[in-house]
Amino acid sequence: MMFTFIWLAVVVFLVASMWIVFTKAGQPGWACLIPFYNMYIMLKIAGKPGWWLLLFLIPVVNLIFLIITYIALATCFGKGAGFAIGMIFLPFVFFPMLAFGDAKYVPVVA
């Protein structure tokens, strides 16, 4: 029972962090709550094409494109590839750092 409460607290904290990251990027925060749409918005924030969402449905390929997307997302907030790797392996640490830290969003100029 205690594990469930801890897990729920971590999930709520991650959702709040993602909400703030989306808001910092000028996107609606509620978009982080909707499956698939949240990944589409994250691709948009990272400056990647929306059709990449289809690539996230292919096993193994999705991992490669997730890494590329997180690197682009970290770069948009002035962070490096190491921060992006942290976002992949420790999202409950690095997404709050991105949300509650002093990182500013700089859109990708294509």
PDB file of N, CA and C in Angstrom:
ATOM      1  N   MET A   1       0.816  -1.194   0.000  1.00  0.00           N
ATOM      2  CA  MET A   1       0.000   0.000   0.000  1.00  0.00           C
ATOM      3  C   MET A   1       0.866   1.267   0.000  1.00  0.00           C
ATOM      4  N   MET A   2       1.915   1.266   0.801  1.00  0.00           N
ATOM      5  CA  MET A   2       2.795   2.427   0.876  1.00  0.00           C
ATOM      6  C   MET A   2       3.502   2.648  -0.462  1.00  0.00           C
ATOM      7  N   PHE A   3       3.876   1.545  -1.107  1.00  0.00           N
ATOM      8  CA  PHE A   3       4.509   1.651  -2.425  1.00  0.00           C
ATOM      9  C   PHE A   3       3.591   2.352  -3.410  1.00  0.00           C
ATOM     10  N   THR A   4       2.318   2.073  -3.356  1.00  0.00           N
ATOM     11  CA  THR A   4       1.349   2.698  -4.252  1.00  0.00           C
ATOM     12  C   THR A   4       1.294   4.207  -4.037  1.00  0.00           C
ATOM     13  N   PHE A   5       1.316   4.639  -2.800  1.00  0.00           N
ATOM     14  CA  PHE A   5       1.281   6.077  -2.508  1.00  0.00           C
ATOM     15  C   PHE A   5       2.558   6.770  -2.979  1.00  0.00           C
ATOM     16  N   ILE A   6       3.686   6.116  -2.782  1.00  0.00           N
ATOM     17  CA  ILE A   6       4.957   6.690  -3.245  1.00  0.00           C
ATOM     18  C   ILE A   6       4.974   6.769  -4.763  1.00  0.00           C
ATOM     19  N   TRP A   7       4.540   5.710  -5.418  1.00  0.00           N
ATOM     20  CA  TRP A   7       4.497   5.682  -6.880  1.00  0.00           C
ATOM     21  C   TRP A   7       3.554   6.771  -7.400  1.00  0.00           C
ATOM     22  N   LEU A   8       2.412   6.927  -6.771  1.00  0.00           N
ATOM     23  CA  LEU A   8       1.448   7.948  -7.176  1.00  0.00           C
ATOM     24  C   LEU A   8       2.029   9.348  -6.999  1.00  0.00           C
ATOM     25  N   ALA A   9       2.748   9.572  -5.916  1.00  0.00           N
ATOM     26  CA  ALA A   9       3.376  10.875  -5.682  1.00  0.00           C
ATOM     27  C   ALA A   9       4.425  11.180  -6.756  1.00  0.00           C
ATOM     28  N   VAL A  10       5.211  10.184  -7.143  1.00  0.00           N
ATOM     29  CA  VAL A  10       6.222  10.366  -8.194  1.00  0.00           C
ATOM     30  C   VAL A  10       5.549  10.675  -9.521  1.00  0.00           C
ATOM     31  N   VAL A  11       4.474   9.974  -9.843  1.00  0.00           N
ATOM     32  CA  VAL A  11       3.751  10.205 -11.102  1.00  0.00           C
ATOM     33  C   VAL A  11       3.166  11.617 -11.131  1.00  0.00           C
ATOM     34  N   VAL A  12       2.558  12.048 -10.044  1.00  0.00           N
ATOM     35  CA  VAL A  12       1.982  13.399  -9.987  1.00  0.00           C
ATOM     36  C   VAL A  12       3.081  14.440 -10.132  1.00  0.00           C
ATOM     37  N   PHE A  13       4.233  14.221  -9.500  1.00  0.00           N
ATOM     38  CA  PHE A  13       5.360  15.140  -9.598  1.00  0.00           C
ATOM     39  C   PHE A  13       5.896  15.206 -11.029  1.00  0.00           C
ATOM     40  N   LEU A  14       5.969  14.045 -11.714  1.00  0.00           N
ATOM     41  CA  LEU A  14       6.419  14.036 -13.104  1.00  0.00           C
ATOM     42  C   LEU A  14       5.431  14.735 -14.026  1.00  0.00           C
ATOM     43  N   VAL A  15       4.152  14.544 -13.808  1.00  0.00           N
ATOM     44  CA  VAL A  15       3.138  15.216 -14.622  1.00  0.00           C
ATOM     45  C   VAL A  15       3.230  16.726 -14.425  1.00  0.00           C
ATOM     46  N   ALA A  16       3.404  17.160 -13.183  1.00  0.00           N
ATOM     47  CA  ALA A  16       3.545  18.596 -12.910  1.00  0.00           C
ATOM     48  C   ALA A  16       4.797  19.144 -13.593  1.00  0.00           C
ATOM     49  N   SER A  17       5.869  18.380 -13.576  1.00  0.00           N
ATOM     50  CA  SER A  17       7.108  18.813 -14.227  1.00  0.00           C
ATOM     51  C   SER A  17       6.935  18.924 -15.738  1.00  0.00           C
ATOM     52  N   MET A  18       6.307  17.917 -16.326  1.00  0.00           N
ATOM     53  CA  MET A  18       6.072  17.961 -17.772  1.00  0.00           C
ATOM     54  C   MET A  18       5.154  19.131 -18.128  1.00  0.00           C
ATOM     55  N   TRP A  19       4.151  19.376 -17.305  1.00  0.00           N
ATOM     56  CA  TRP A  19       3.224  20.493 -17.528  1.00  0.00           C
ATOM     57  C   TRP A  19       4.005  21.802 -17.591  1.00  0.00           C
ATOM     58  N   ILE A  20       4.919  22.002 -16.670  1.00  0.00           N
ATOM     59  CA  ILE A  20       5.704  23.233 -16.625  1.00  0.00           C
ATOM     60  C   ILE A  20       6.665  23.312 -17.804  1.00  0.00           C
ATOM     61  N   VAL A  21       7.269  22.192 -18.194  1.00  0.00           N
ATOM     62  CA  VAL A  21       8.160  22.182 -19.367  1.00  0.00           C
ATOM     63  C   VAL A  21       7.380  22.577 -20.616  1.00  0.00           C
ATOM     64  N   PHE A  22       6.184  22.018 -20.793  1.00  0.00           N
ATOM     65  CA  PHE A  22       5.360  22.368 -21.946  1.00  0.00           C
ATOM     66  C   PHE A  22       4.996  23.847 -21.913  1.00  0.00           C
ATOM     67  N   THR A  23       4.650  24.355 -20.737  1.00  0.00           N
ATOM     68  CA  THR A  23       4.272  25.762 -20.602  1.00  0.00           C
ATOM     69  C   THR A  23       5.457  26.677 -20.890  1.00  0.00           C
ATOM     70  N   LYS A  24       6.645  26.305 -20.420  1.00  0.00           N
ATOM     71  CA  LYS A  24       7.848  27.100 -20.703  1.00  0.00           C
ATOM     72  C   LYS A  24       8.099  27.197 -22.200  1.00  0.00           C
ATOM     73  N   ALA A  25       7.728  26.157 -22.937  1.00  0.00           N
ATOM     74  CA  ALA A  25       7.947  26.129 -24.377  1.00  0.00           C
ATOM     75  C   ALA A  25       6.810  26.790 -25.149  1.00  0.00           C
ATOM     76  N   GLY A  26       5.834  27.359 -24.446  1.00  0.00           N
ATOM     77  CA  GLY A  26       4.748  28.051 -25.120  1.00  0.00           C
ATOM     78  C   GLY A  26       3.644  27.142 -25.616  1.00  0.00           C
ATOM     79  N   GLN A  27       3.596  25.938 -25.113  1.00  0.00           N
ATOM     80  CA  GLN A  27       2.563  24.980 -25.494  1.00  0.00           C
ATOM     81  C   GLN A  27       1.594  24.828 -24.321  1.00  0.00           C
ATOM     82  N   PRO A  28       0.390  24.322 -24.584  1.00  0.00           N
ATOM     83  CA  PRO A  28      -0.545  24.131 -23.470  1.00  0.00           C
ATOM     84  C   PRO A  28      -0.052  23.036 -22.525  1.00  0.00           C
ATOM     85  N   GLY A  29      -0.078  23.315 -21.239  1.00  0.00           N
ATOM     86  CA  GLY A  29       0.401  22.352 -20.259  1.00  0.00           C
ATOM     87  C   GLY A  29      -0.427  21.089 -20.203  1.00  0.00           C
ATOM     88  N   TRP A  30      -1.731  21.214 -20.427  1.00  0.00           N
ATOM     89  CA  TRP A  30      -2.606  20.048 -20.361  1.00  0.00           C
ATOM     90  C   TRP A  30      -2.265  19.007 -21.422  1.00  0.00           C
ATOM     91  N   ALA A  31      -1.500  19.389 -22.429  1.00  0.00           N
ATOM     92  CA  ALA A  31      -1.146  18.450 -23.500  1.00  0.00           C
ATOM     93  C   ALA A  31      -0.316  17.286 -22.974  1.00  0.00           C
ATOM     94  N   CYS A  32       0.349  17.461 -21.847  1.00  0.00           N
ATOM     95  CA  CYS A  32       1.158  16.372 -21.299  1.00  0.00           C
ATOM     96  C   CYS A  32       0.301  15.230 -20.765  1.00  0.00           C
ATOM     97  N   LEU A  33      -0.993  15.447 -20.603  1.00  0.00           N
ATOM     98  CA  LEU A  33      -1.886  14.435 -20.048  1.00  0.00           C
ATOM     99  C   LEU A  33      -2.460  13.484 -21.085  1.00  0.00           C
ATOM    100  N   ILE A  34      -2.362  13.815 -22.356  1.00  0.00           N
ATOM    101  CA  ILE A  34      -3.020  13.042 -23.405  1.00  0.00           C
ATOM    102  C   ILE A  34      -1.996  12.174 -24.135  1.00  0.00           C
ATOM    103  N   PRO A  35      -2.159  10.846 -24.068  1.00  0.00           N
ATOM    104  CA  PRO A  35      -1.212   9.951 -24.744  1.00  0.00           C
ATOM    105  C   PRO A  35      -1.134  10.243 -26.247  1.00  0.00           C
ATOM    106  N   PHE A  36       0.006  10.056 -26.817  1.00  0.00           N
ATOM    107  CA  PHE A  36       0.353  10.302 -28.208  1.00  0.00           C
ATOM    108  C   PHE A  36       0.403  11.791 -28.537  1.00  0.00           C
ATOM    109  N   TYR A  37      -0.606  12.534 -28.099  1.00  0.00           N
ATOM    110  CA  TYR A  37      -0.586  13.980 -28.350  1.00  0.00           C
ATOM    111  C   TYR A  37       0.567  14.631 -27.589  1.00  0.00           C
ATOM    112  N   ASN A  38       0.852  14.122 -26.385  1.00  0.00           N
ATOM    113  CA  ASN A  38       1.960  14.697 -25.626  1.00  0.00           C
ATOM    114  C   ASN A  38       3.287  14.471 -26.346  1.00  0.00           C
ATOM    115  N   MET A  39       3.439  13.331 -26.987  1.00  0.00           N
ATOM    116  CA  MET A  39       4.675  13.074 -27.733  1.00  0.00           C
ATOM    117  C   MET A  39       4.727  13.944 -28.984  1.00  0.00           C
ATOM    118  N   TYR A  40       3.582  14.174 -29.616  1.00  0.00           N
ATOM    119  CA  TYR A  40       3.533  15.065 -30.775  1.00  0.00           C
ATOM    120  C   TYR A  40       3.965  16.484 -30.382  1.00  0.00           C
ATOM    121  N   ILE A  41       3.461  16.960 -29.249  1.00  0.00           N
ATOM    122  CA  ILE A  41       3.829  18.296 -28.773  1.00  0.00           C
ATOM    123  C   ILE A  41       5.307  18.333 -28.399  1.00  0.00           C
ATOM    124  N   MET A  42       5.810  17.251 -27.806  1.00  0.00           N
ATOM    125  CA  MET A  42       7.229  17.214 -27.460  1.00  0.00           C
ATOM    126  C   MET A  42       8.092  17.260 -28.730  1.00  0.00           C
ATOM    127  N   LEU A  43       7.669  16.581 -29.772  1.00  0.00           N
ATOM    128  CA  LEU A  43       8.381  16.657 -31.049  1.00  0.00           C
ATOM    129  C   LEU A  43       8.349  18.082 -31.592  1.00  0.00           C
ATOM    130  N   LYS A  44       7.211  18.722 -31.467  1.00  0.00           N
ATOM    131  CA  LYS A  44       7.053  20.101 -31.919  1.00  0.00           C
ATOM    132  C   LYS A  44       7.977  21.035 -31.128  1.00  0.00           C
ATOM    133  N   ILE A  45       8.054  20.852 -29.818  1.00  0.00           N
ATOM    134  CA  ILE A  45       8.926  21.660 -28.966  1.00  0.00           C
ATOM    135  C   ILE A  45      10.384  21.450 -29.357  1.00  0.00           C
ATOM    136  N   ALA A  46      10.749  20.194 -29.647  1.00  0.00           N
ATOM    137  CA  ALA A  46      12.126  19.853 -29.991  1.00  0.00           C
ATOM    138  C   ALA A  46      12.484  20.246 -31.423  1.00  0.00           C
ATOM    139  N   GLY A  47      11.508  20.708 -32.191  1.00  0.00           N
ATOM    140  CA  GLY A  47      11.782  21.121 -33.563  1.00  0.00           C
ATOM    141  C   GLY A  47      11.855  19.970 -34.546  1.00  0.00           C
ATOM    142  N   LYS A  48      11.259  18.865 -34.209  1.00  0.00           N
ATOM    143  CA  LYS A  48      11.251  17.685 -35.075  1.00  0.00           C
ATOM    144  C   LYS A  48       9.904  17.584 -35.779  1.00  0.00           C
ATOM    145  N   PRO A  49       9.872  16.936 -36.941  1.00  0.00           N
ATOM    146  CA  PRO A  49       8.602  16.819 -37.687  1.00  0.00           C
ATOM    147  C   PRO A  49       7.594  15.918 -36.971  1.00  0.00           C
ATOM    148  N   GLY A  50       6.322  16.253 -37.114  1.00  0.00           N
ATOM    149  CA  GLY A  50       5.252  15.513 -36.464  1.00  0.00           C
ATOM    150  C   GLY A  50       5.092  14.087 -36.933  1.00  0.00           C
ATOM    151  N   TRP A  51       5.510  13.793 -38.162  1.00  0.00           N
ATOM    152  CA  TRP A  51       5.353  12.432 -38.665  1.00  0.00           C
ATOM    153  C   TRP A  51       6.276  11.450 -37.951  1.00  0.00           C
ATOM    154  N   TRP A  52       7.257  11.974 -37.204  1.00  0.00           N
ATOM    155  CA  TRP A  52       8.119  11.089 -36.415  1.00  0.00           C
ATOM    156  C   TRP A  52       7.316  10.312 -35.381  1.00  0.00           C
ATOM    157  N   LEU A  53       6.127  10.791 -35.063  1.00  0.00           N
ATOM    158  CA  LEU A  53       5.272  10.095 -34.107  1.00  0.00           C
ATOM    159  C   LEU A  53       5.013   8.663 -34.569  1.00  0.00           C
ATOM    160  N   LEU A  54       4.922   8.458 -35.871  1.00  0.00           N
ATOM    161  CA  LEU A  54       4.718   7.105 -36.408  1.00  0.00           C
ATOM    162  C   LEU A  54       5.921   6.206 -36.121  1.00  0.00           C
ATOM    163  N   LEU A  55       7.108   6.791 -36.091  1.00  0.00           N
ATOM    164  CA  LEU A  55       8.313   6.006 -35.824  1.00  0.00           C
ATOM    165  C   LEU A  55       8.360   5.518 -34.382  1.00  0.00           C
ATOM    166  N   PHE A  56       7.633   6.180 -33.494  1.00  0.00           N
ATOM    167  CA  PHE A  56       7.591   5.750 -32.109  1.00  0.00           C
ATOM    168  C   PHE A  56       6.742   4.493 -31.930  1.00  0.00           C
ATOM    169  N   LEU A  57       6.051   4.069 -32.961  1.00  0.00           N
ATOM    170  CA  LEU A  57       5.252   2.843 -32.900  1.00  0.00           C
ATOM    171  C   LEU A  57       6.044   1.612 -33.308  1.00  0.00           C
ATOM    172  N   ILE A  58       7.277   1.795 -33.805  1.00  0.00           N
ATOM    173  CA  ILE A  58       8.103   0.690 -34.265  1.00  0.00           C
ATOM    174  C   ILE A  58       9.100   0.323 -33.163  1.00  0.00           C
ATOM    175  N   PRO A  59       9.064  -0.932 -32.701  1.00  0.00           N
ATOM    176  CA  PRO A  59      10.002  -1.332 -31.643  1.00  0.00           C
ATOM    177  C   PRO A  59      11.459  -1.119 -32.066  1.00  0.00           C
ATOM    178  N   VAL A  60      12.299  -0.782 -31.157  1.00  0.00           N
ATOM    179  CA  VAL A  60      13.724  -0.494 -31.285  1.00  0.00           C
ATOM    180  C   VAL A  60      13.960   0.851 -31.982  1.00  0.00           C
ATOM    181  N   VAL A  61      13.266   1.104 -33.071  1.00  0.00           N
ATOM    182  CA  VAL A  61      13.377   2.387 -33.756  1.00  0.00           C
ATOM    183  C   VAL A  61      12.906   3.496 -32.825  1.00  0.00           C
ATOM    184  N   ASN A  62      11.871   3.197 -32.043  1.00  0.00           N
ATOM    185  CA  ASN A  62      11.349   4.203 -31.124  1.00  0.00           C
ATOM    186  C   ASN A  62      12.398   4.636 -30.103  1.00  0.00           C
ATOM    187  N   LEU A  63      13.231   3.731 -29.656  1.00  0.00           N
ATOM    188  CA  LEU A  63      14.278   4.086 -28.693  1.00  0.00           C
ATOM    189  C   LEU A  63      15.300   5.039 -29.302  1.00  0.00           C
ATOM    190  N   ILE A  64      15.662   4.791 -30.536  1.00  0.00           N
ATOM    191  CA  ILE A  64      16.629   5.651 -31.229  1.00  0.00           C
ATOM    192  C   ILE A  64      16.057   7.050 -31.409  1.00  0.00           C
ATOM    193  N   PHE A  65      14.820   7.131 -31.853  1.00  0.00           N
ATOM    194  CA  PHE A  65      14.210   8.439 -32.085  1.00  0.00           C
ATOM    195  C   PHE A  65      13.849   9.146 -30.780  1.00  0.00           C
ATOM    196  N   LEU A  66      13.615   8.378 -29.714  1.00  0.00           N
ATOM    197  CA  LEU A  66      13.404   9.002 -28.403  1.00  0.00           C
ATOM    198  C   LEU A  66      14.690   9.685 -27.941  1.00  0.00           C
ATOM    199  N   ILE A  67      15.812   9.026 -28.130  1.00  0.00           N
ATOM    200  CA  ILE A  67      17.101   9.615 -27.755  1.00  0.00           C
ATOM    201  C   ILE A  67      17.355  10.878 -28.567  1.00  0.00           C
ATOM    202  N   ILE A  68      17.104  10.821 -29.863  1.00  0.00           N
ATOM    203  CA  ILE A  68      17.299  11.993 -30.727  1.00  0.00           C
ATOM    204  C   ILE A  68      16.373  13.132 -30.291  1.00  0.00           C
ATOM    205  N   THR A  69      15.127  12.805 -29.978  1.00  0.00           N
ATOM    206  CA  THR A  69      14.163  13.822 -29.552  1.00  0.00           C
ATOM    207  C   THR A  69      14.568  14.448 -28.225  1.00  0.00           C
ATOM    208  N   TYR A  70      14.999  13.628 -27.280  1.00  0.00           N
ATOM    209  CA  TYR A  70      15.414  14.163 -25.976  1.00  0.00           C
ATOM    210  C   TYR A  70      16.673  15.015 -26.090  1.00  0.00           C
ATOM    211  N   ILE A  71      17.596  14.646 -26.968  1.00  0.00           N
ATOM    212  CA  ILE A  71      18.780  15.477 -27.185  1.00  0.00           C
ATOM    213  C   ILE A  71      18.363  16.827 -27.756  1.00  0.00           C
ATOM    214  N   ALA A  72      17.448  16.828 -28.729  1.00  0.00           N
ATOM    215  CA  ALA A  72      16.962  18.085 -29.315  1.00  0.00           C
ATOM    216  C   ALA A  72      16.191  18.908 -28.272  1.00  0.00           C
ATOM    217  N   LEU A  73      15.404  18.238 -27.433  1.00  0.00           N
ATOM    218  CA  LEU A  73      14.656  18.927 -26.390  1.00  0.00           C
ATOM    219  C   LEU A  73      15.608  19.579 -25.386  1.00  0.00           C
ATOM    220  N   ALA A  74      16.618  18.832 -24.967  1.00  0.00           N
ATOM    221  CA  ALA A  74      17.599  19.382 -24.029  1.00  0.00           C
ATOM    222  C   ALA A  74      18.336  20.562 -24.649  1.00  0.00           C
ATOM    223  N   THR A  75      18.662  20.463 -25.922  1.00  0.00           N
ATOM    224  CA  THR A  75      19.358  21.545 -26.616  1.00  0.00           C
ATOM    225  C   THR A  75      18.493  22.798 -26.677  1.00  0.00           C
ATOM    226  N   CYS A  76      17.201  22.629 -26.887  1.00  0.00           N
ATOM    227  CA  CYS A  76      16.292  23.780 -26.927  1.00  0.00           C
ATOM    228  C   CYS A  76      16.225  24.511 -25.592  1.00  0.00           C
ATOM    229  N   PHE A  77      16.531  23.810 -24.523  1.00  0.00           N
ATOM    230  CA  PHE A  77      16.534  24.432 -23.201  1.00  0.00           C
ATOM    231  C   PHE A  77      17.945  24.769 -22.736  1.00  0.00           C
ATOM    232  N   GLY A  78      18.913  24.727 -23.650  1.00  0.00           N
ATOM    233  CA  GLY A  78      20.275  25.119 -23.327  1.00  0.00           C
ATOM    234  C   GLY A  78      21.075  24.064 -22.585  1.00  0.00           C
ATOM    235  N   LYS A  79      20.652  22.831 -22.662  1.00  0.00           N
ATOM    236  CA  LYS A  79      21.347  21.732 -21.992  1.00  0.00           C
ATOM    237  C   LYS A  79      22.033  20.870 -23.045  1.00  0.00           C
ATOM    238  N   GLY A  80      22.904  19.977 -22.612  1.00  0.00           N
ATOM    239  CA  GLY A  80      23.659  19.144 -23.524  1.00  0.00           C
ATOM    240  C   GLY A  80      23.109  17.735 -23.656  1.00  0.00           C
ATOM    241  N   ALA A  81      23.856  16.906 -24.400  1.00  0.00           N
ATOM    242  CA  ALA A  81      23.452  15.521 -24.633  1.00  0.00           C
ATOM    243  C   ALA A  81      23.483  14.714 -23.341  1.00  0.00           C
ATOM    244  N   GLY A  82      24.400  15.030 -22.438  1.00  0.00           N
ATOM    245  CA  GLY A  82      24.447  14.331 -21.155  1.00  0.00           C
ATOM    246  C   GLY A  82      23.177  14.535 -20.349  1.00  0.00           C
ATOM    247  N   PHE A  83      22.634  15.744 -20.396  1.00  0.00           N
ATOM    248  CA  PHE A  83      21.367  16.036 -19.726  1.00  0.00           C
ATOM    249  C   PHE A  83      20.248  15.219 -20.368  1.00  0.00           C
ATOM    250  N   ALA A  84      20.288  15.069 -21.687  1.00  0.00           N
ATOM    251  CA  ALA A  84      19.263  14.287 -22.393  1.00  0.00           C
ATOM    252  C   ALA A  84      19.329  12.816 -21.983  1.00  0.00           C
ATOM    253  N   ILE A  85      20.529  12.296 -21.819  1.00  0.00           N
ATOM    254  CA  ILE A  85      20.671  10.906 -21.369  1.00  0.00           C
ATOM    255  C   ILE A  85      20.101  10.776 -19.953  1.00  0.00           C
ATOM    256  N   GLY A  86      20.328  11.786 -19.127  1.00  0.00           N
ATOM    257  CA  GLY A  86      19.723  11.793 -17.798  1.00  0.00           C
ATOM    258  C   GLY A  86      18.209  11.804 -17.868  1.00  0.00           C
ATOM    259  N   MET A  87      17.649  12.539 -18.836  1.00  0.00           N
ATOM    260  CA  MET A  87      16.193  12.575 -19.011  1.00  0.00           C
ATOM    261  C   MET A  87      15.648  11.200 -19.379  1.00  0.00           C
ATOM    262  N   ILE A  88      16.451  10.409 -20.083  1.00  0.00           N
ATOM    263  CA  ILE A  88      16.008   9.070 -20.490  1.00  0.00           C
ATOM    264  C   ILE A  88      16.059   8.104 -19.310  1.00  0.00           C
ATOM    265  N   PHE A  89      17.175   8.102 -18.572  1.00  0.00           N
ATOM    266  CA  PHE A  89      17.369   7.109 -17.524  1.00  0.00           C
ATOM    267  C   PHE A  89      16.837   7.531 -16.150  1.00  0.00           C
ATOM    268  N   LEU A  90      16.783   8.815 -15.881  1.00  0.00           N
ATOM    269  CA  LEU A  90      16.284   9.317 -14.600  1.00  0.00           C
ATOM    270  C   LEU A  90      15.299  10.474 -14.818  1.00  0.00           C
ATOM    271  N   PRO A  91      14.181  10.201 -15.468  1.00  0.00           N
ATOM    272  CA  PRO A  91      13.250  11.297 -15.772  1.00  0.00           C
ATOM    273  C   PRO A  91      12.689  11.962 -14.526  1.00  0.00           C
ATOM    274  N   PHE A  92      12.562  11.221 -13.424  1.00  0.00           N
ATOM    275  CA  PHE A  92      12.015  11.783 -12.197  1.00  0.00           C
ATOM    276  C   PHE A  92      12.988  12.752 -11.523  1.00  0.00           C
ATOM    277  N   VAL A  93      14.225  12.835 -12.029  1.00  0.00           N
ATOM    278  CA  VAL A  93      15.207  13.800 -11.543  1.00  0.00           C
ATOM    279  C   VAL A  93      15.404  14.930 -12.543  1.00  0.00           C
ATOM    280  N   PHE A  94      15.570  14.576 -13.828  1.00  0.00           N
ATOM    281  CA  PHE A  94      15.969  15.562 -14.825  1.00  0.00           C
ATOM    282  C   PHE A  94      14.819  16.403 -15.372  1.00  0.00           C
ATOM    283  N   PHE A  95      13.608  15.847 -15.489  1.00  0.00           N
ATOM    284  CA  PHE A  95      12.486  16.677 -15.931  1.00  0.00           C
ATOM    285  C   PHE A  95      12.131  17.745 -14.894  1.00  0.00           C
ATOM    286  N   PRO A  96      12.134  17.418 -13.590  1.00  0.00           N
ATOM    287  CA  PRO A  96      11.930  18.495 -12.611  1.00  0.00           C
ATOM    288  C   PRO A  96      13.052  19.538 -12.645  1.00  0.00           C
ATOM    289  N   MET A  97      14.283  19.114 -12.899  1.00  0.00           N
ATOM    290  CA  MET A  97      15.376  20.079 -13.018  1.00  0.00           C
ATOM    291  C   MET A  97      15.121  21.031 -14.182  1.00  0.00           C
ATOM    292  N   LEU A  98      14.615  20.484 -15.279  1.00  0.00           N
ATOM    293  CA  LEU A  98      14.299  21.303 -16.444  1.00  0.00           C
ATOM    294  C   LEU A  98      13.115  22.222 -16.159  1.00  0.00           C
ATOM    295  N   ALA A  99      12.121  21.697 -15.461  1.00  0.00           N
ATOM    296  CA  ALA A  99      10.906  22.470 -15.187  1.00  0.00           C
ATOM    297  C   ALA A  99      11.127  23.549 -14.142  1.00  0.00           C
ATOM    298  N   PHE A 100      11.721  23.194 -13.032  1.00  0.00           N
ATOM    299  CA  PHE A 100      11.818  24.110 -11.909  1.00  0.00           C
ATOM    300  C   PHE A 100      13.139  24.876 -11.870  1.00  0.00           C
ATOM    301  N   GLY A 101      14.044  24.528 -12.776  1.00  0.00           N
ATOM    302  CA  GLY A 101      15.315  25.242 -12.859  1.00  0.00           C
ATOM    303  C   GLY A 101      15.197  26.532 -13.652  1.00  0.00           C
ATOM    304  N   ASP A 102      16.336  27.115 -13.953  1.00  0.00           N
ATOM    305  CA  ASP A 102      16.335  28.388 -14.663  1.00  0.00           C
ATOM    306  C   ASP A 102      16.477  28.239 -16.175  1.00  0.00           C
ATOM    307  N   ALA A 103      16.253  27.047 -16.697  1.00  0.00           N
ATOM    308  CA  ALA A 103      16.377  26.803 -18.145  1.00  0.00           C
ATOM    309  C   ALA A 103      15.316  27.594 -18.913  1.00  0.00           C
ATOM    310  N   LYS A 104      15.739  28.246 -19.955  1.00  0.00           N
ATOM    311  CA  LYS A 104      14.841  29.018 -20.821  1.00  0.00           C
ATOM    312  C   LYS A 104      14.725  28.311 -22.169  1.00  0.00           C
ATOM    313  N   TYR A 105      13.530  28.314 -22.717  1.00  0.00           N
ATOM    314  CA  TYR A 105      13.290  27.680 -24.003  1.00  0.00           C
ATOM    315  C   TYR A 105      13.708  28.601 -25.134  1.00  0.00           C
ATOM    316  N   VAL A 106      14.516  28.086 -26.038  1.00  0.00           N
ATOM    317  CA  VAL A 106      14.903  28.805 -27.247  1.00  0.00           C
ATOM    318  C   VAL A 106      14.464  27.954 -28.423  1.00  0.00           C
ATOM    319  N   PRO A 107      13.448  28.402 -29.177  1.00  0.00           N
ATOM    320  CA  PRO A 107      12.934  27.583 -30.280  1.00  0.00           C
ATOM    321  C   PRO A 107      13.985  27.317 -31.347  1.00  0.00           C
ATOM    322  N   VAL A 108      13.826  26.170 -31.994  1.00  0.00           N
ATOM    323  CA  VAL A 108      14.709  25.769 -33.077  1.00  0.00           C
ATOM    324  C   VAL A 108      14.354  26.595 -34.311  1.00  0.00           C
ATOM    325  N   VAL A 109      15.336  27.210 -34.926  1.00  0.00           N
ATOM    326  CA  VAL A 109      15.116  27.974 -36.151  1.00  0.00           C
ATOM    327  C   VAL A 109      15.474  27.073 -37.324  1.00  0.00           C
ATOM    328  N   ALA A 110      14.487  26.742 -38.123  1.00  0.00           N
ATOM    329  CA  ALA A 110      14.714  25.811 -39.237  1.00  0.00           C
ATOM    330  C   ALA A 110      14.967  26.549 -40.531  1.00  0.00           C
TER     331      ALA A 110
END
